[in-house]
């Protein structure tokens, strides 16, 4: 267990430094498209289809759309054909490329053939047995890997107890991941015309290992005969890929807008830091306003609300330097495990790396 926790700490630290480098570019430059399963791992089975084939077709179409309409974005695939890629290797491909976003594509299955719909997951602790079962299904691929007990430090995808460890994971990319997940489900429902089961969180190993925002998309249920027909059709695959593309395009636009910044020009005799920088700790994010008097407000006296796109976000604390806010963070994490530091300049959120460059020199 100690080794397992230590590996999580390494991923979080590695993720912070990659995030800083990615943010400093100002634009989203790379995306990793991960077609789930493959090779000896077929994934879920429909009456006549295999998950690995459906998701690969959609992944390739999505990549083609991005390459054609957003040529400034580099598309990286974890696989482009029917081959088995271990989960750790998929994450390694993403981390090595220093990608800005990770999109893992899957199809679902459940014993009840009437269940239907899309759902998009961000990394987190499952809030329902249903979400846990989805995570177990997708994580079970590690059972096909050689020596998986060593690679994943004894993690057993079939044991509910193994997922308790996700409570310790500080997901620095939760906001961005939830933003992308919301954009995906909105496109599927509003533009593609699919039934959306919503945005969810669960403990997916492949999302745990990546050092960037990431989502796991379930395109529909192969166990539902109508959805299997749709998922295996060229039209259905094209429409789903186009929905994913539009969501990605919107996410990129938001990313680029948020990360635009102008570094101050250094002139002899003029101080470099002329813009007021404030650091705060983000503790919550919600698609609906959190009412005053709720649990968030009861736990802390100083709560600051701001709106970012379709999300309402909540912060606490305020300092002028990163080192000062870092001293406050451990105390806040006792109440809000997924909290993290953000920066504002003139009351507008700016990349943390840019703020640190201005205030810590």
Protein backbone atom coordinates (compact mmCIF):
# COMPACT_ATOMS: atom_id res chain seq x y z
CA UNK A 1 0.00 0.00 0.00
CA UNK A 2 2.85 2.42 0.80
CA UNK A 3 4.40 1.80 -2.62
CA UNK A 4 1.01 2.35 -4.26
CA UNK A 5 0.57 5.71 -2.50
CA UNK A 6 4.15 6.71 -3.37
CA UNK A 7 3.48 6.06 -7.06
CA UNK A 8 0.43 8.35 -6.88
CA UNK A 9 2.58 11.13 -5.39
CA UNK A 10 5.06 10.77 -8.25
CA UNK A 11 2.29 11.00 -10.84
CA UNK A 12 0.88 14.13 -9.19
CA UNK A 13 4.28 15.84 -9.07
CA UNK A 14 5.09 14.81 -12.63
CA UNK A 15 1.71 16.07 -13.70
CA UNK A 16 2.25 19.48 -12.11
CA UNK A 17 5.47 20.13 -14.00
CA UNK A 18 4.03 18.94 -17.32
CA UNK A 19 0.96 21.10 -16.73
CA UNK A 20 3.13 24.16 -16.15
CA UNK A 21 5.03 23.52 -19.36
CA UNK A 22 1.84 22.94 -21.35
CA UNK A 23 0.21 26.08 -19.99
CA UNK A 24 3.24 28.20 -20.82
CA UNK A 25 2.72 27.55 -24.54
CA UNK A 26 -0.55 29.49 -24.46
CA UNK A 27 -2.27 27.11 -26.87
CA UNK A 28 -3.46 23.52 -26.91
CA UNK A 29 -0.98 21.78 -29.19
CA UNK A 30 -1.34 18.03 -28.66
CA UNK A 31 -4.15 15.60 -28.00
CA UNK A 32 -3.91 11.87 -27.37
CA UNK A 33 -6.74 9.72 -28.73
CA UNK A 34 -6.92 6.37 -26.98
CA UNK A 35 -9.02 3.65 -28.63
CA UNK A 36 -9.78 1.26 -25.77
CA UNK A 37 -8.87 -2.44 -25.76
CA UNK A 38 -7.46 -4.08 -28.91
CA UNK A 39 -5.67 -7.26 -29.96
CA UNK A 40 -6.21 -10.09 -27.48
CA UNK A 41 -8.52 -7.81 -25.49
CA UNK A 42 -11.83 -7.48 -27.39
CA UNK A 43 -13.54 -5.42 -24.69
CA UNK A 44 -17.32 -5.70 -24.50
CA UNK A 45 -19.23 -7.98 -26.88
CA UNK A 46 -22.52 -7.19 -28.56
CA UNK A 47 -24.57 -9.78 -30.41
CA UNK A 48 -22.22 -9.52 -33.39
CA UNK A 49 -19.71 -6.77 -32.58
CA UNK A 50 -16.65 -6.15 -30.44
CA UNK A 51 -15.91 -2.99 -28.52
CA UNK A 52 -12.31 -2.83 -29.77
CA UNK A 53 -13.46 -2.50 -33.40
CA UNK A 54 -16.16 0.10 -32.76
CA UNK A 55 -13.96 2.41 -30.70
CA UNK A 56 -11.03 2.19 -33.10
CA UNK A 57 -13.24 3.26 -35.99
CA UNK A 58 -14.52 6.28 -34.03
CA UNK A 59 -11.03 7.15 -32.78
CA UNK A 60 -9.60 7.22 -36.30
CA UNK A 61 -12.49 9.35 -37.58
CA UNK A 62 -12.04 11.79 -34.67
CA UNK A 63 -8.32 12.06 -35.37
CA UNK A 64 -8.99 12.65 -39.05
CA UNK A 65 -11.41 15.50 -38.25
CA UNK A 66 -8.85 17.17 -35.99
CA UNK A 67 -6.03 16.80 -38.49
CA UNK A 68 -8.21 18.20 -41.27
CA UNK A 69 -9.90 21.11 -39.51
CA UNK A 70 -7.40 21.94 -36.74
CA UNK A 71 -4.05 21.40 -38.47
CA UNK A 72 -2.13 23.22 -35.72
CA UNK A 73 -2.99 20.39 -33.30
CA UNK A 74 -0.79 17.29 -33.24
CA UNK A 75 -2.84 14.09 -32.94
CA UNK A 76 -1.22 11.18 -31.14
CA UNK A 77 -2.85 7.73 -31.10
CA UNK A 78 -2.23 5.01 -28.55
CA UNK A 79 -3.14 2.55 -31.30
CA UNK A 80 -4.17 2.82 -34.95
CA UNK A 81 -4.81 -0.86 -35.59
CA UNK A 82 -5.95 -4.01 -33.81
CA UNK A 83 -3.16 -4.43 -31.29
CA UNK A 84 -2.99 -4.86 -27.53
CA UNK A 85 -1.50 -1.89 -25.68
CA UNK A 86 -1.12 -2.20 -21.87
CA UNK A 87 -2.75 0.55 -19.82
CA UNK A 88 0.56 1.81 -18.41
CA UNK A 89 1.96 2.07 -21.93
CA UNK A 90 -1.06 4.09 -23.07
CA UNK A 91 -0.46 6.56 -20.23
CA UNK A 92 3.25 6.54 -21.03
CA UNK A 93 2.57 7.55 -24.63
CA UNK A 94 0.51 10.49 -23.40
CA UNK A 95 2.97 11.61 -20.74
CA UNK A 96 6.01 11.30 -22.99
CA UNK A 97 4.34 13.43 -25.66
CA UNK A 98 3.46 16.09 -23.06
CA UNK A 99 -0.04 16.22 -24.46
CA UNK A 100 -2.59 18.78 -23.33
CA UNK A 101 -5.60 16.43 -23.33
CA UNK A 102 -6.29 12.69 -23.27
CA UNK A 103 -9.46 11.20 -24.76
CA UNK A 104 -10.09 7.50 -24.13
CA UNK A 105 -12.92 6.01 -26.19
CA UNK A 106 -14.96 2.97 -25.12
CA UNK A 107 -18.33 1.26 -25.56
CA UNK A 108 -20.43 -0.09 -22.71
CA UNK A 109 -22.19 -3.34 -21.80
CA UNK A 110 -24.68 -4.33 -19.12
CA UNK A 111 -26.86 -7.37 -18.54
CA UNK A 112 -30.03 -5.29 -18.85
CA UNK A 113 -30.46 -4.90 -22.63
CA UNK A 114 -32.88 -1.97 -22.22
CA UNK A 115 -30.22 0.33 -20.78
CA UNK A 116 -28.91 2.85 -23.31
CA UNK A 117 -27.06 6.13 -23.60
CA UNK A 118 -23.69 7.83 -23.63
CA UNK A 119 -21.72 8.83 -20.57
CA UNK A 120 -18.39 10.55 -20.10
CA UNK A 121 -16.16 10.07 -17.08
CA UNK A 122 -13.50 12.11 -15.35
CA UNK A 123 -11.17 10.57 -12.81
CA UNK A 124 -12.55 10.47 -9.29
CA UNK A 125 -14.01 8.36 -6.56
CA UNK A 126 -17.11 6.55 -7.77
CA UNK A 127 -20.34 7.86 -6.26
CA UNK A 128 -22.49 4.87 -7.12
CA UNK A 129 -22.22 1.12 -7.55
CA UNK A 130 -23.04 1.59 -11.22
CA UNK A 131 -20.02 3.84 -11.79
CA UNK A 132 -17.84 1.39 -9.90
CA UNK A 133 -18.93 -1.44 -12.17
CA UNK A 134 -18.00 0.57 -15.26
CA UNK A 135 -14.55 1.24 -13.79
CA UNK A 136 -14.12 -2.44 -12.94
CA UNK A 137 -15.02 -3.43 -16.49
CA UNK A 138 -12.54 -1.07 -18.10
CA UNK A 139 -9.78 -1.70 -15.55
CA UNK A 140 -10.04 -5.48 -15.95
CA UNK A 141 -7.86 -5.22 -19.05
CA UNK A 142 -4.80 -5.30 -16.78
CA UNK A 143 -5.57 -8.96 -16.05
CA UNK A 144 -4.33 -9.68 -19.58
CA UNK A 145 -1.00 -7.99 -18.91
CA UNK A 146 2.11 -9.83 -17.82
CA UNK A 147 2.93 -9.35 -14.15
CA UNK A 148 0.17 -6.78 -13.61
CA UNK A 149 0.34 -7.22 -9.82
CA UNK A 150 3.83 -5.71 -9.87
CA UNK A 151 3.06 -2.97 -12.40
CA UNK A 152 0.00 -1.78 -10.48
CA UNK A 153 1.34 -2.53 -6.98
CA UNK A 154 -1.22 -5.19 -6.11
CA UNK A 155 -4.27 -3.37 -7.47
CA UNK A 156 -7.09 -5.86 -8.14
CA UNK A 157 -9.66 -4.39 -10.57
CA UNK A 158 -12.35 -6.78 -9.32
CA UNK A 159 -12.11 -5.85 -5.64
CA UNK A 160 -14.10 -2.86 -4.44
CA UNK A 161 -11.53 -2.33 -1.68
CA UNK A 162 -8.86 -1.50 -4.26
CA UNK A 163 -10.75 1.62 -5.26
CA UNK A 164 -10.46 3.20 -1.82
CA UNK A 165 -6.98 4.34 -2.88
CA UNK A 166 -8.56 6.81 -5.28
CA UNK A 167 -9.61 8.88 -2.25
CA UNK A 168 -5.92 9.72 -1.80
CA UNK A 169 -5.44 10.88 -5.34
CA UNK A 170 -5.25 14.66 -5.69
CA UNK A 171 -6.61 15.25 -9.20
CA UNK A 172 -5.11 18.55 -10.31
CA UNK A 173 -6.97 18.37 -13.61
CA UNK A 174 -10.50 17.73 -12.38
CA UNK A 175 -11.92 21.07 -13.55
CA UNK A 176 -10.51 20.75 -17.05
CA UNK A 177 -11.56 17.11 -17.30
CA UNK A 178 -15.10 17.88 -16.17
CA UNK A 179 -15.24 20.75 -18.63
CA UNK A 180 -14.33 18.45 -21.53
CA UNK A 181 -16.72 15.77 -20.28
CA UNK A 182 -19.58 18.29 -20.16
CA UNK A 183 -18.81 19.49 -23.68
CA UNK A 184 -18.83 15.90 -24.96
CA UNK A 185 -22.16 14.98 -23.38
CA UNK A 186 -23.71 18.26 -24.54
CA UNK A 187 -22.67 17.53 -28.13
CA UNK A 188 -23.91 13.96 -27.97
CA UNK A 189 -27.29 15.04 -26.66
CA UNK A 190 -27.89 18.37 -28.45
CA UNK A 191 -26.18 17.83 -31.80
CA UNK A 192 -25.86 14.08 -32.35
CA UNK A 193 -29.25 13.27 -30.85
CA UNK A 194 -28.14 10.54 -28.45
CA UNK A 195 -29.56 9.92 -25.00
CA UNK A 196 -27.02 11.25 -22.47
CA UNK A 197 -26.55 9.57 -19.11
CA UNK A 198 -24.44 12.54 -18.06
CA UNK A 199 -21.00 13.39 -16.73
CA UNK A 200 -19.66 11.06 -14.04
CA UNK A 201 -16.57 10.24 -12.02
CA UNK A 202 -14.96 6.88 -11.31
CA UNK A 203 -11.58 5.29 -10.65
CA UNK A 204 -10.11 4.46 -14.06
CA UNK A 205 -6.49 3.38 -13.95
CA UNK A 206 -5.62 4.84 -17.34
CA UNK A 207 -6.85 8.28 -16.21
CA UNK A 208 -5.01 7.93 -12.92
CA UNK A 209 -1.68 7.46 -14.66
CA UNK A 210 -1.84 10.38 -17.10
CA UNK A 211 -0.32 13.75 -16.23
CA UNK A 212 -2.89 15.95 -18.00
CA UNK A 213 -6.67 16.48 -18.18
CA UNK A 214 -8.42 13.41 -19.51
CA UNK A 215 -11.83 11.84 -20.07
CA UNK A 216 -13.11 8.35 -20.72
CA UNK A 217 -16.05 8.32 -23.13
CA UNK A 218 -18.61 5.51 -23.28
CA UNK A 219 -20.27 5.81 -26.71
CA UNK A 220 -23.27 3.62 -25.89
CA UNK A 221 -24.27 0.08 -24.95
CA UNK A 222 -23.43 -2.85 -27.21
CA UNK A 223 -25.86 -4.84 -25.06
CA UNK A 224 -28.72 -2.75 -26.45
CA UNK A 225 -29.64 -4.00 -29.93
CA UNK A 226 -30.63 -0.56 -31.25
CA UNK A 227 -27.44 1.04 -29.99
CA UNK A 228 -25.30 -1.82 -31.30
CA UNK A 229 -26.77 -1.24 -34.76
CA UNK A 230 -26.03 2.49 -34.48
CA UNK A 231 -22.51 2.01 -33.08
CA UNK A 232 -21.50 -0.38 -35.83
CA UNK A 233 -22.85 1.77 -38.67
CA UNK A 234 -20.60 4.14 -40.58
CA UNK A 235 -23.14 6.93 -40.09
CA UNK A 236 -23.33 6.40 -36.34
CA UNK A 237 -19.56 6.27 -35.96
CA UNK A 238 -19.14 9.41 -38.07
CA UNK A 239 -21.75 11.33 -36.07
CA UNK A 240 -20.22 10.32 -32.74
CA UNK A 241 -16.75 11.27 -33.97
CA UNK A 242 -18.07 14.64 -35.17
CA UNK A 243 -19.64 15.23 -31.76
CA UNK A 244 -16.33 14.46 -30.08
CA UNK A 245 -14.57 16.75 -32.54
CA UNK A 246 -16.87 19.70 -31.84
CA UNK A 247 -16.46 19.17 -28.10
CA UNK A 248 -12.68 19.11 -28.53
CA UNK A 249 -12.79 22.22 -30.72
CA UNK A 250 -14.76 24.10 -28.04
CA UNK A 251 -12.41 22.85 -25.33
CA UNK A 252 -9.39 24.00 -27.34
CA UNK A 253 -10.93 27.43 -27.88
CA UNK A 254 -11.58 27.79 -24.15
CA UNK A 255 -8.08 26.52 -23.36
CA UNK A 256 -6.43 28.95 -25.76
CA UNK A 257 -8.51 31.89 -24.49
CA UNK A 258 -7.71 31.15 -20.86
CA UNK A 259 -3.99 30.73 -21.48
CA UNK A 260 -3.38 33.88 -23.51
CA UNK A 261 -1.02 36.09 -21.64
CA UNK A 262 1.40 38.92 -22.30
CA UNK A 263 4.62 38.81 -20.36
CA UNK A 264 5.72 42.24 -19.11
CA UNK A 265 8.52 43.84 -21.09
CA UNK A 266 11.67 44.32 -19.07
CA UNK A 267 12.95 47.90 -19.33
CA UNK A 268 15.88 49.39 -17.46
CA UNK A 269 14.76 51.19 -14.34
CA UNK A 270 11.17 49.81 -14.49
CA UNK A 271 9.96 47.10 -12.13
CA UNK A 272 8.96 43.85 -13.86
CA UNK A 273 5.98 43.08 -11.67
CA UNK A 274 3.42 45.81 -12.30
CA UNK A 275 0.29 43.64 -12.35
CA UNK A 276 -1.47 42.62 -9.11
CA UNK A 277 -1.33 38.83 -8.76
CA UNK A 278 -3.48 36.97 -6.26
CA UNK A 279 -3.28 33.28 -5.42
CA UNK A 280 -6.29 31.33 -4.18
CA UNK A 281 -7.15 27.69 -3.48
CA UNK A 282 -9.95 26.22 -5.57
CA UNK A 283 -12.13 23.91 -3.51
CA UNK A 284 -15.21 23.18 -5.61
CA UNK A 285 -16.71 23.31 -9.08
CA UNK A 286 -20.36 22.95 -10.01
CA UNK A 287 -22.64 23.32 -12.99
CA UNK A 288 -25.17 24.93 -10.62
CA UNK A 289 -24.60 27.67 -8.09
CA UNK A 290 -23.80 26.39 -4.61
CA UNK A 291 -26.19 28.05 -2.20
CA UNK A 292 -24.82 29.96 0.75
CA UNK A 293 -25.29 28.01 3.93
CA UNK A 294 -24.46 24.70 2.22
CA UNK A 295 -21.64 22.42 3.36
CA UNK A 296 -18.96 24.32 1.43
CA UNK A 297 -19.87 27.62 3.09
CA UNK A 298 -20.23 26.00 6.51
CA UNK A 299 -16.69 24.65 6.44
CA UNK A 300 -14.96 27.94 5.59
CA UNK A 301 -15.56 31.61 6.29
CA UNK A 302 -13.94 33.13 3.19
CA UNK A 303 -15.46 31.75 -0.01
CA UNK A 304 -14.96 33.48 -3.34
CA UNK A 305 -17.17 32.50 -6.30
CA UNK A 306 -16.31 33.04 -9.95
CA UNK A 307 -17.76 31.75 -13.21
CA UNK A 308 -15.71 29.94 -15.83
CA UNK A 309 -17.75 29.09 -18.92
CA UNK A 310 -20.73 27.00 -17.80
CA UNK A 311 -19.19 26.17 -14.43
CA UNK A 312 -19.37 27.97 -11.10
CA UNK A 313 -16.12 27.66 -9.18
CA UNK A 314 -15.30 28.34 -5.55
CA UNK A 315 -12.03 29.34 -3.91
CA UNK A 316 -10.73 30.22 -0.49
CA UNK A 317 -7.68 32.02 0.87
CA UNK A 318 -5.80 34.80 -0.85
CA UNK A 319 -2.09 35.63 -0.90
CA UNK A 320 0.29 37.64 -3.09
CA UNK A 321 2.87 34.86 -3.49
CA UNK A 322 2.81 31.18 -4.43
CA UNK A 323 4.96 30.26 -1.44
CA UNK A 324 2.44 31.83 0.96
CA UNK A 325 -0.57 30.05 -0.53
CA UNK A 326 1.37 26.77 -0.53
CA UNK A 327 1.61 26.97 3.26
CA UNK A 328 -2.18 27.20 3.52
CA UNK A 329 -2.91 24.34 1.11
CA UNK A 330 -2.29 21.38 3.52
CA UNK A 331 -4.83 22.74 6.00
CA UNK A 332 -7.51 23.24 3.33
CA UNK A 333 -6.90 19.72 1.99
CA UNK A 334 -8.05 18.30 5.30
CA UNK A 335 -11.57 19.37 4.30
CA UNK A 336 -11.30 19.40 0.48
CA UNK A 337 -9.05 16.61 -0.77
CA UNK A 338 -9.06 17.65 -4.43
CA UNK A 339 -8.33 21.36 -3.88
CA UNK A 340 -5.49 23.04 -5.75
CA UNK A 341 -3.85 26.45 -6.24
CA UNK A 342 -4.92 28.89 -8.96
CA UNK A 343 -3.89 32.45 -9.81
CA UNK A 344 -5.67 35.68 -10.75
CA UNK A 345 -4.40 38.90 -12.28
CA UNK A 346 -6.73 41.88 -12.07
CA UNK A 347 -9.45 39.43 -10.95
CA UNK A 348 -9.05 37.37 -14.13
CA UNK A 349 -7.74 33.81 -13.88
CA UNK A 350 -4.30 33.37 -15.46
CA UNK A 351 -1.99 30.37 -15.95
CA UNK A 352 -0.29 29.42 -12.70
CA UNK A 353 3.08 29.23 -14.44
CA UNK A 354 2.77 32.82 -15.66
CA UNK A 355 1.79 34.10 -12.23
CA UNK A 356 4.71 32.30 -10.56
CA UNK A 357 7.13 33.75 -13.13
CA UNK A 358 5.97 37.25 -12.24
CA UNK A 359 5.84 36.98 -8.45
CA UNK A 360 8.49 34.49 -7.44
CA UNK A 361 11.51 35.95 -9.23
